[in-house]
Structures are given as structure tokens and as C-alpha cells.
Amino acid sequence: MDQLTDQKDKKINKDDIYKKLLVKSDEAKTIRKIVGIICLTIILIITGGILATYIYIQSALKPVEPKNTKTKNVEIPIGSTVSTIGTILEEDGMIKNKLIFKYYVKLNNETGFQAGTYKLSPSMNLKQIITQLKTGTVLKKATVKFTIPEGLQLSQITAIIAKHSGIDKKEIDKKLDDPKYIKKLIKKYPLLISKKVLKKDVLHPLEGYLFPATYSFYDKKPSIDQIVNKMLIKTNSVMEKYKEQIQKSNLDQYEILTMASLIEEEATEKADRHKISSVFYNRMKVNMPLQTDPTVLYSLGKHKKQVTYDDLKVNSPYNTYKIQGLPPSPIASAGEMSIEAAINPAKTDYLYFLAATKTGTVYYSKTLAEHNRLKEKYITSSQK
């Protein structure tokens, strides 16, 4: 009996093992099928993505509007990078994608682009546009042309724009301070315009963003949008040069523009901007107020040669005699020299500087006592 029982048990065990093997085999088949489906799906997605990208790139290399032969004057400013040119061409509706333009130029080793104003059409392909951009054909007669000097505040810049464009200054000021318009610009230039410009302490959102340069327009009457866009593109082209250096610095791009504006307002023709920059950074390191007079004048909304002790008392988030660190925004539009100095300050131990009243020469000092002696010698004595 025991033998028969053992044989039955063995048979049952074999049956169980066989059933388990069958189940495992079915599970393995199911897993293989699932893996196969997933792999096939991934392959199809990748293939579809590659195909879609290929089709898009092919489309971007073709004319924007093959049948539209109407030409438009497109200006390429002096010093424009390939990225800037691509942005301008996309803005003016001459190409579909600035990034594809940039890589097309690099892959084909296209060089020799020249500044100038070109008659371009949406019916032109990339090769035709690039050929045109190498001719340097300039249209000499601009309907509107103006120059923005370095160090001007936004209110001064809009006065120049109004004078040359015929657009009412109040209309320009209103639009440039309109939060809805600023949000559109932030969306359009996300890497350039910081969301910080919308903070309540910021007096004018676009302060410091309209780059000092000469601008020409060939439309009968350019709109505020056209003017502002051209100026922002110029600012962007300058900031792009220093993109990697800014990323390695302790300040973001908006703070660099703010620091640059302080340097610009303090600098004289003989001033070493890098040393002035070092003074500001050194003060920030030791939690010392920047105490720069131009921020006081900006707080007061005045332009005057000398700041009084009463002026220093003004209650404003821009008054660097009262606040620590940088003001909420730039206080003027800085030129490239000041921007570069803000990114690359000199290595010094200076905490003070002043400009001699008679000569404009800038003197630096490490201590307050030394600074006061220089002040007595080059400023106070000359006022007696």
C-alpha cells in the first residue's frame, strides 16, 4: 500500500510541476509579447519623431510664402551674430525657424555676413537669403533714424523715440509700462526679459533693456512694437556674447544689467569701469551699502549735478544709501563696456571711489579715512 501511495504522490507532484511549467511558459510568452509591443511602440515613436523632425526641417528650409514676392526692407545691424540675424529674419517673416537657420549656416560653413539693409521676400529660400546677406547692400535713406546715447534713462529714451518717430511720448510711456504688453514681451523674449520686471518695486519694467545704439527704420512710420523689438533684439545680441560668463557669475542676467547701469552712471570718460565694478562687488561682499548717487537721483526723478544730504534721505527702494545690495532694476541703459565690466570686475580691495571735480579723474581707496582725504583734496577744496 505504501508503494502505491508513493507512486500516486509522485504522479501528482509531476502533474503539479508540469502545470506550473505550463503557467510559467504562458507568462513568459505574455511578457515577451508585452516587451515586443513596447519595443515596437518605442521604435514607431522614435521613427515617427525622426520623420516628423525631418519633414519640419525640410519645410523650414523652403520659402515661408513661395508665391509672395513682395519685398521688405530688413536691417542687419553692425556686430550681429548668426543667432541675432536668425532672430531678425524670423521676426520679419523671412524664415520659419531661427534655430534651423543657425544650424544650416554652421553646417554649410556660411560666413561673410555683412551689416546693411536688404530687400528680402518671403518667397526666397535660405540659400537665396544667405547670398543676399553677403552683399552688404545698404539703403541709405531711412524714414526714421535716431541714436540712443549710453547711460540714458527710459524717460529720456522715449523722448528721443517720440521726437524722431512722431509718436506721442505719453503713448509710448504708457505702453512701455503696461503689464499686459510687458507679459507679451516676456513670452517673446523669455531668455532676455526677467519676470522680475513685474515686481511692484520696479519703476519701469523696460528700464535698462533698450540698448544704446543707432536705429534706422524704413517703413513710413514704424510702430512702437517695431521700434521696441529692434532695440530688444540688439540688447539680446549683446547679452548673448556673455551668456556663458554670466552663467558662471554670482548674478543673473537682470542683476548684471542692473549692476552695469550703476557702473554706466558713475563712469566718466577717464574712469576704469572694471575698478568701479570691483568697488560695488567688494561692498556687497562685506554687506556695505552701495551708496551711489545716481540711484538717489533716480529715486527723486531728477537730473542734477550734485546730490545734497537732504536728497540722500529720500525713501525709495532705489536709494542705495538706505538699502542693501542692488536696486530693484536697472536705472539706465548701459553700453557694452559697462555690461562687460559688470561681468568681469577687476580684482581689488577698494571700497571707495570718487571723481575729481575739475578733471574727472577717478580715485580709489581702501579705507574711509583715505577716501575722505581724497574728497577734501579733489572735491571739497575745488568748491571753495
Protein backbone atom coordinates (compact mmCIF):
# COMPACT_ATOMS: atom_id res chain seq x y z
CA MET A 1 0.00 0.00 0.00
CA ASP A 2 2.78 2.38 0.86
CA GLN A 3 4.35 1.80 -2.52
CA LEU A 4 1.13 2.57 -4.36
CA THR A 5 0.66 5.72 -2.29
CA ASP A 6 4.20 6.88 -3.06
CA GLN A 7 3.66 6.32 -6.77
CA LYS A 8 0.42 8.30 -6.68
CA ASP A 9 2.12 11.16 -4.81
CA LYS A 10 4.96 11.22 -7.30
CA LYS A 11 2.47 11.33 -10.17
CA ILE A 12 0.59 14.20 -8.53
CA ASN A 13 3.87 16.08 -7.99
CA LYS A 14 4.84 15.58 -11.62
CA ASP A 15 1.43 16.86 -12.73
CA ASP A 16 1.81 19.95 -10.49
CA ILE A 17 5.27 20.64 -11.82
CA TYR A 18 4.04 20.23 -15.39
CA LYS A 19 1.15 22.60 -14.76
CA LYS A 20 3.48 25.15 -13.17
CA LEU A 21 5.82 24.90 -16.13
CA LEU A 22 2.91 25.48 -18.48
CA VAL A 23 1.84 28.54 -16.44
CA LYS A 24 5.41 29.90 -16.45
CA SER A 25 5.65 29.26 -20.16
CA ASP A 26 2.41 31.18 -20.75
CA GLU A 27 3.65 34.01 -18.51
CA ALA A 28 6.94 34.14 -20.43
CA LYS A 29 5.06 34.30 -23.73
CA THR A 30 2.88 37.10 -22.36
CA ILE A 31 5.91 39.02 -21.10
CA ARG A 32 7.65 38.57 -24.46
CA LYS A 33 4.54 39.86 -26.21
CA ILE A 34 4.32 42.89 -23.89
CA VAL A 35 8.05 43.63 -24.32
CA GLY A 36 7.66 43.20 -28.06
CA ILE A 37 4.70 45.62 -28.16
CA ILE A 38 6.56 48.15 -26.02
CA CYS A 39 9.70 47.91 -28.18
CA LEU A 40 7.63 48.23 -31.34
CA THR A 41 5.82 51.26 -29.87
CA ILE A 42 9.12 52.91 -28.93
CA ILE A 43 10.54 52.22 -32.39
CA LEU A 44 7.42 53.65 -34.01
CA ILE A 45 7.55 56.76 -31.76
CA ILE A 46 11.25 57.32 -32.47
CA THR A 47 10.74 56.69 -36.18
CA GLY A 48 7.71 58.97 -36.19
CA GLY A 49 9.66 61.63 -34.31
CA ILE A 50 12.59 61.43 -36.69
CA LEU A 51 10.26 61.53 -39.66
CA ALA A 52 8.31 64.49 -38.25
CA THR A 53 11.56 66.33 -37.49
CA TYR A 54 12.87 65.61 -40.98
CA ILE A 55 9.66 66.88 -42.58
CA TYR A 56 9.70 70.00 -40.37
CA ILE A 57 13.35 70.78 -41.19
CA GLN A 58 12.69 70.25 -44.90
CA SER A 59 9.75 72.63 -44.63
CA ALA A 60 11.82 75.22 -42.72
CA LEU A 61 14.45 75.22 -45.48
CA LYS A 62 11.80 76.19 -48.02
CA PRO A 63 10.36 79.70 -48.53
CA VAL A 64 7.85 80.94 -45.96
CA GLU A 65 5.43 82.01 -48.72
CA PRO A 66 6.58 80.73 -52.16
CA LYS A 67 4.06 82.89 -54.06
CA ASN A 68 4.57 86.10 -52.07
CA THR A 69 7.24 88.04 -54.00
CA LYS A 70 6.58 91.31 -52.18
CA THR A 71 9.86 92.61 -50.77
CA LYS A 72 10.52 94.07 -47.35
CA ASN A 73 13.46 96.08 -46.04
CA VAL A 74 15.27 94.01 -43.42
CA GLU A 75 18.10 95.63 -41.44
CA ILE A 76 21.05 93.65 -40.11
CA PRO A 77 22.88 95.82 -37.54
CA ILE A 78 26.66 96.01 -37.25
CA GLY A 79 28.07 93.29 -34.98
CA SER A 80 25.10 90.94 -35.40
CA THR A 81 25.76 87.28 -34.60
CA VAL A 82 24.26 84.42 -36.61
CA SER A 83 21.71 83.96 -33.80
CA THR A 84 20.76 87.64 -33.96
CA ILE A 85 20.41 87.52 -37.75
CA GLY A 86 18.19 84.44 -37.43
CA THR A 87 16.01 86.22 -34.86
CA ILE A 88 15.65 89.28 -37.10
CA LEU A 89 14.76 87.18 -40.15
CA GLU A 90 12.17 85.20 -38.18
CA GLU A 91 10.72 88.41 -36.70
CA ASP A 92 10.36 89.88 -40.20
CA GLY A 93 8.74 86.71 -41.56
CA MET A 94 11.57 85.79 -43.92
CA ILE A 95 12.36 82.38 -42.39
CA LYS A 96 10.33 79.83 -40.45
CA ASN A 97 12.77 78.94 -37.70
CA LYS A 98 15.82 80.86 -36.43
CA LEU A 99 17.40 77.74 -34.86
CA ILE A 100 17.31 75.82 -38.15
CA PHE A 101 18.77 78.89 -39.88
CA LYS A 102 21.62 78.92 -37.34
CA TYR A 103 22.46 75.23 -37.84
CA TYR A 104 22.10 75.49 -41.62
CA VAL A 105 24.68 78.30 -41.61
CA LYS A 106 27.07 76.31 -39.39
CA LEU A 107 26.74 73.03 -41.30
CA ASN A 108 27.33 74.77 -44.61
CA ASN A 109 30.20 76.90 -43.24
CA GLU A 110 28.49 80.08 -44.39
CA THR A 111 30.44 83.20 -43.41
CA GLY A 112 30.92 86.78 -44.55
CA PHE A 113 27.57 88.21 -43.49
CA GLN A 114 27.56 91.99 -43.73
CA ALA A 115 25.60 94.64 -41.91
CA GLY A 116 23.14 96.54 -44.03
CA THR A 117 19.54 96.83 -45.11
CA TYR A 118 18.33 94.23 -47.57
CA LYS A 119 15.29 93.84 -49.77
CA LEU A 120 14.09 90.35 -48.92
CA SER A 121 10.97 88.41 -49.80
CA PRO A 122 9.09 85.50 -48.11
CA SER A 123 9.37 83.68 -51.45
CA MET A 124 13.17 83.34 -51.02
CA ASN A 125 14.70 80.13 -49.67
CA LEU A 126 17.54 80.04 -47.13
CA LYS A 127 20.28 79.82 -49.74
CA GLN A 128 18.96 82.89 -51.58
CA ILE A 129 18.62 84.87 -48.34
CA ILE A 130 22.16 83.96 -47.24
CA THR A 131 23.54 85.01 -50.62
CA GLN A 132 21.83 88.38 -50.23
CA LEU A 133 23.19 88.86 -46.73
CA LYS A 134 26.74 88.69 -48.04
CA THR A 135 26.35 91.64 -50.42
CA GLY A 136 26.24 94.41 -47.84
CA THR A 137 23.69 96.35 -49.86
CA VAL A 138 22.66 99.34 -47.80
CA LEU A 139 19.63 101.53 -48.39
CA LYS A 140 20.84 104.98 -47.36
CA LYS A 141 17.52 106.72 -46.92
CA ALA A 142 15.81 105.80 -43.68
CA THR A 143 12.42 107.29 -42.90
CA VAL A 144 13.19 107.24 -39.16
CA LYS A 145 16.65 107.22 -37.64
CA PHE A 146 17.76 108.02 -34.11
CA THR A 147 20.68 107.44 -31.75
CA ILE A 148 20.36 106.48 -28.09
CA PRO A 149 23.48 107.52 -26.12
CA GLU A 150 24.76 105.33 -23.31
CA GLY A 151 23.50 105.97 -19.80
CA LEU A 152 20.07 107.41 -20.61
CA GLN A 153 17.04 106.57 -18.53
CA LEU A 154 13.88 105.17 -20.11
CA SER A 155 12.05 108.51 -19.93
CA GLN A 156 14.89 110.15 -21.87
CA ILE A 157 14.96 107.34 -24.42
CA THR A 158 11.21 107.56 -25.08
CA ALA A 159 11.60 111.33 -25.59
CA ILE A 160 14.14 110.66 -28.38
CA ILE A 161 11.91 107.99 -29.92
CA ALA A 162 8.91 110.33 -29.83
CA LYS A 163 10.87 113.18 -31.40
CA HIS A 164 12.03 111.13 -34.40
CA SER A 165 9.08 108.78 -34.90
CA GLY A 166 6.26 111.28 -34.48
CA ILE A 167 4.58 109.03 -31.92
CA ASP A 168 3.30 110.84 -28.83
CA LYS A 169 5.65 110.35 -25.86
CA LYS A 170 2.77 109.73 -23.45
CA GLU A 171 1.53 106.92 -25.71
CA ILE A 172 4.99 105.31 -25.74
CA ASP A 173 5.44 105.65 -21.97
CA LYS A 174 2.01 104.21 -21.30
CA LYS A 175 2.61 101.17 -23.48
CA LEU A 176 6.08 100.50 -22.10
CA ASP A 177 4.69 100.47 -18.57
CA ASP A 178 1.63 98.37 -19.43
CA PRO A 179 1.88 94.98 -17.61
CA LYS A 180 -0.08 93.23 -20.40
CA TYR A 181 2.40 94.44 -23.02
CA ILE A 182 5.35 93.51 -20.81
CA LYS A 183 3.97 89.98 -20.35
CA LYS A 184 3.80 89.59 -24.13
CA LEU A 185 7.42 90.70 -24.41
CA ILE A 186 8.48 88.28 -21.66
CA LYS A 187 6.78 85.47 -23.58
CA LYS A 188 8.50 86.60 -26.78
CA TYR A 189 11.95 87.06 -25.19
CA PRO A 190 11.93 84.60 -22.24
CA LEU A 191 15.71 84.33 -22.06
CA LEU A 192 16.21 88.09 -22.13
CA ILE A 193 13.46 89.77 -20.11
CA SER A 194 13.24 88.67 -16.50
CA LYS A 195 9.89 88.17 -14.77
CA LYS A 196 11.37 90.34 -12.02
CA VAL A 197 10.44 93.40 -14.11
CA LEU A 198 6.82 92.91 -12.99
CA LYS A 199 7.61 93.26 -9.28
CA LYS A 200 5.81 96.15 -7.58
CA ASP A 201 9.04 97.94 -6.60
CA VAL A 202 10.18 98.22 -10.23
CA LEU A 203 9.52 101.72 -11.51
CA HIS A 204 9.70 100.98 -15.26
CA PRO A 205 9.74 97.34 -16.49
CA LEU A 206 11.86 98.02 -19.58
CA GLU A 207 14.39 100.26 -17.84
CA GLY A 208 17.84 99.08 -18.93
CA TYR A 209 16.55 96.89 -21.76
CA LEU A 210 16.53 99.37 -24.67
CA PHE A 211 20.12 99.21 -25.83
CA PRO A 212 22.02 102.43 -26.60
CA ALA A 213 22.78 102.40 -30.34
CA THR A 214 21.74 103.94 -33.67
CA TYR A 215 18.49 102.61 -35.11
CA SER A 216 17.14 103.01 -38.65
CA PHE A 217 13.65 102.24 -39.90
CA TYR A 218 12.49 102.16 -43.49
CA ASP A 219 8.73 101.94 -43.06
CA LYS A 220 6.83 105.20 -43.48
CA LYS A 221 6.03 105.23 -39.78
CA PRO A 222 7.32 102.41 -37.58
CA SER A 223 5.06 101.31 -34.73
CA ILE A 224 6.06 101.23 -31.06
CA ASP A 225 6.25 97.44 -31.36
CA GLN A 226 8.67 97.62 -34.30
CA ILE A 227 10.92 100.10 -32.51
CA VAL A 228 10.95 98.24 -29.19
CA ASN A 229 11.51 94.86 -30.87
CA LYS A 230 14.51 96.12 -32.80
CA MET A 231 16.01 97.57 -29.62
CA LEU A 232 15.41 94.37 -27.65
CA ILE A 233 16.97 92.28 -30.42
CA LYS A 234 20.07 94.48 -30.16
CA THR A 235 20.19 94.05 -26.37
CA ASN A 236 19.80 90.30 -26.79
CA SER A 237 22.64 90.13 -29.32
CA VAL A 238 24.98 91.87 -26.86
CA MET A 239 23.95 89.72 -23.89
CA GLU A 240 24.36 86.52 -25.93
CA LYS A 241 28.09 87.24 -26.24
CA TYR A 242 28.46 86.94 -22.47
CA LYS A 243 25.95 84.14 -21.86
CA GLU A 244 28.48 81.60 -20.54
CA GLN A 245 30.29 84.16 -18.38
CA ILE A 246 27.02 85.32 -16.82
CA GLN A 247 26.07 81.72 -16.00
CA LYS A 248 29.36 81.34 -14.12
CA SER A 249 28.91 84.61 -12.20
CA ASN A 250 27.08 85.18 -8.92
CA LEU A 251 24.43 87.40 -10.56
CA ASP A 252 21.71 86.59 -13.08
CA GLN A 253 21.30 88.48 -16.34
CA TYR A 254 18.87 91.02 -14.90
CA GLU A 255 21.19 91.75 -11.99
CA ILE A 256 24.09 92.15 -14.42
CA LEU A 257 22.09 94.77 -16.35
CA THR A 258 21.31 96.48 -13.05
CA MET A 259 24.96 96.48 -11.96
CA ALA A 260 26.01 97.68 -15.42
CA SER A 261 23.60 100.62 -15.19
CA LEU A 262 25.22 101.74 -11.92
CA ILE A 263 28.67 101.50 -13.48
CA GLU A 264 27.48 103.41 -16.55
CA GLU A 265 26.04 106.23 -14.47
CA GLU A 266 29.16 106.53 -12.31
CA ALA A 267 31.74 106.23 -15.08
CA THR A 268 33.43 109.21 -16.67
CA GLU A 269 35.47 109.28 -19.86
CA LYS A 270 38.61 108.61 -17.84
CA ALA A 271 37.06 106.11 -15.46
CA ASP A 272 38.09 102.48 -15.29
CA ARG A 273 34.75 100.71 -15.33
CA HIS A 274 36.27 97.44 -14.11
CA LYS A 275 37.59 99.11 -10.95
CA ILE A 276 34.25 100.82 -10.28
CA SER A 277 32.63 97.41 -10.73
CA SER A 278 35.06 95.93 -8.20
CA VAL A 279 34.12 98.58 -5.61
CA PHE A 280 30.43 97.67 -5.88
CA TYR A 281 31.13 93.94 -5.63
CA ASN A 282 33.52 94.45 -2.70
CA ARG A 283 30.87 96.44 -0.85
CA MET A 284 28.28 93.75 -1.43
CA LYS A 285 30.68 91.11 -0.05
CA VAL A 286 31.01 92.95 3.27
CA ASN A 287 27.29 93.91 3.43
CA MET A 288 28.08 97.56 2.90
CA PRO A 289 25.50 99.79 1.13
CA LEU A 290 26.49 100.66 -2.44
CA GLN A 291 25.82 104.37 -1.74
CA THR A 292 25.85 105.51 -5.35
CA ASP A 293 24.38 108.98 -6.03
CA PRO A 294 22.73 108.13 -9.39
CA THR A 295 20.29 105.82 -7.57
CA VAL A 296 19.26 108.74 -5.37
CA LEU A 297 18.59 110.91 -8.42
CA TYR A 298 16.63 108.07 -9.99
CA SER A 299 14.58 107.85 -6.81
CA LEU A 300 13.89 111.59 -7.00
CA GLY A 301 13.17 111.52 -10.73
CA LYS A 302 15.62 114.39 -11.21
CA HIS A 303 18.76 115.14 -13.20
CA LYS A 304 21.20 117.33 -11.31
CA LYS A 305 24.96 117.69 -10.99
CA GLN A 306 25.21 117.41 -7.23
CA VAL A 307 23.33 115.39 -4.63
CA THR A 308 22.59 117.07 -1.29
CA TYR A 309 22.38 115.46 2.15
CA ASP A 310 18.62 116.05 2.09
CA ASP A 311 18.43 114.11 -1.19
CA LEU A 312 20.06 111.11 0.48
CA LYS A 313 17.09 110.84 2.84
CA VAL A 314 14.60 110.01 0.06
CA ASN A 315 12.54 106.93 0.97
CA SER A 316 12.79 104.69 -2.08
CA PRO A 317 13.72 101.04 -2.85
CA TYR A 318 16.21 102.54 -5.33
CA ASN A 319 18.08 104.65 -2.76
CA THR A 320 21.29 102.65 -2.24
CA TYR A 321 22.16 104.79 0.77
CA LYS A 322 19.23 103.13 2.56
CA ILE A 323 19.01 99.68 1.01
CA GLN A 324 21.49 96.80 0.95
CA GLY A 325 22.70 95.47 -2.39
CA LEU A 326 21.37 96.27 -5.83
CA PRO A 327 18.25 98.36 -6.52
CA PRO A 328 15.14 96.54 -7.86
CA SER A 329 16.02 97.21 -11.50
CA PRO A 330 18.49 98.99 -13.78
CA ILE A 331 18.41 102.78 -13.50
CA ALA A 332 19.54 103.41 -17.11
CA SER A 333 20.59 101.70 -20.32
CA ALA A 334 24.21 100.63 -20.08
CA GLY A 335 26.59 100.29 -23.01
CA GLU A 336 28.55 97.13 -23.74
CA MET A 337 31.68 98.35 -21.92
CA SER A 338 29.75 98.69 -18.67
CA ILE A 339 27.99 95.34 -19.18
CA GLU A 340 31.34 93.64 -19.71
CA ALA A 341 32.75 95.38 -16.61
CA ALA A 342 29.77 94.19 -14.55
CA ILE A 343 30.57 90.62 -15.61
CA ASN A 344 34.34 90.93 -15.18
CA PRO A 345 35.16 93.26 -12.26
CA ALA A 346 38.79 93.99 -11.51
CA LYS A 347 40.37 92.20 -8.56
CA THR A 348 40.91 94.96 -5.99
CA ASP A 349 40.48 95.74 -2.29
CA TYR A 350 38.89 99.12 -2.98
CA LEU A 351 35.74 100.10 -1.14
CA TYR A 352 35.53 103.74 -2.23
CA PHE A 353 35.97 105.87 -5.33
CA LEU A 354 35.35 109.45 -6.39
CA ALA A 355 35.74 111.60 -9.49
CA ALA A 356 37.74 114.83 -9.20
CA THR A 357 35.51 117.86 -9.81
CA LYS A 358 37.89 119.67 -12.18
CA THR A 359 39.47 116.82 -14.16
CA GLY A 360 37.01 113.93 -13.89
CA THR A 361 39.87 111.61 -12.93
CA VAL A 362 38.67 108.77 -10.72
CA TYR A 363 40.50 107.97 -7.47
CA TYR A 364 40.10 104.78 -5.48
CA SER A 365 40.72 103.99 -1.82
CA LYS A 366 40.53 101.08 0.60
CA THR A 367 39.56 102.97 3.76
CA LEU A 368 37.10 105.72 4.67
CA ALA A 369 39.92 107.88 6.07
CA GLU A 370 41.79 107.70 2.76
CA HIS A 371 38.60 108.40 0.86
CA ASN A 372 37.87 111.50 2.97
CA ARG A 373 41.38 112.85 2.32
CA LEU A 374 40.89 112.42 -1.43
CA LYS A 375 37.45 114.01 -1.18
CA GLU A 376 38.89 117.07 0.58
CA LYS A 377 41.67 117.37 -1.99
CA TYR A 378 39.76 116.82 -5.25
CA ILE A 379 36.16 117.82 -4.48
CA THR A 380 35.68 119.96 -1.36
CA SER A 381 38.66 122.26 -1.97
CA SER A 382 37.62 122.92 -5.57
CA GLN A 383 34.18 124.09 -4.41
CA LYS A 384 35.59 126.76 -2.09
